[in-house]
């Protein structure tokens, strides 16, 4: 049985259209690890600066790197500002250079006791926490405690989504608090 050229052309077009119509289209990409945090500034305010900073540590998770700041006697702590942007020495305005993209962390808390003795004083301010080998973190720098505010600089691989969470209790300080800063590995 012979087919006319017109009929063959019509069948070819119909087959091509059918193939196009049944090919599934890719769905919109889901957020990395379900993360929907965004990269804008995160803030919380409290009337009175409270407590003292006692320690800073870091950890790695499957979807993000985490910075943990331990506070003593700070149950219910809500006085922070975390944002991407230039990190400066309070009082002088001198730039604090960091590896990667700068993230500024400011907590309304002291890093010294009532007698002025430091409650947090790392051996090396520029490398306050060892984050070598981390996927997102590049550097943690202790900047200063100045006029009731403590400043930390965090260098990250790129401007990525992050969140800030405050939990009651800290190791060795049951009435303390932990400020958690999680920075995603990707968007």
Foldseek 3Di string as FASTA:
>chain_A
DDDDPVVVVVVVVVVVVVVVVPDDDDDDDAPQVNDDFDAAKDAFQDDAQDFAWAAWEWDADPWWIKIKTKTALQVPFGGKIKHWDFDAQPPPRHTDDDPATKIKIKGQAHQADPVRHGNDDAPAQFARYDPPPYLWWDGKGFRHGDPRMGMIITHTNYRFGKDWDKAQQDVVHNSIIMIMIIGTNHD
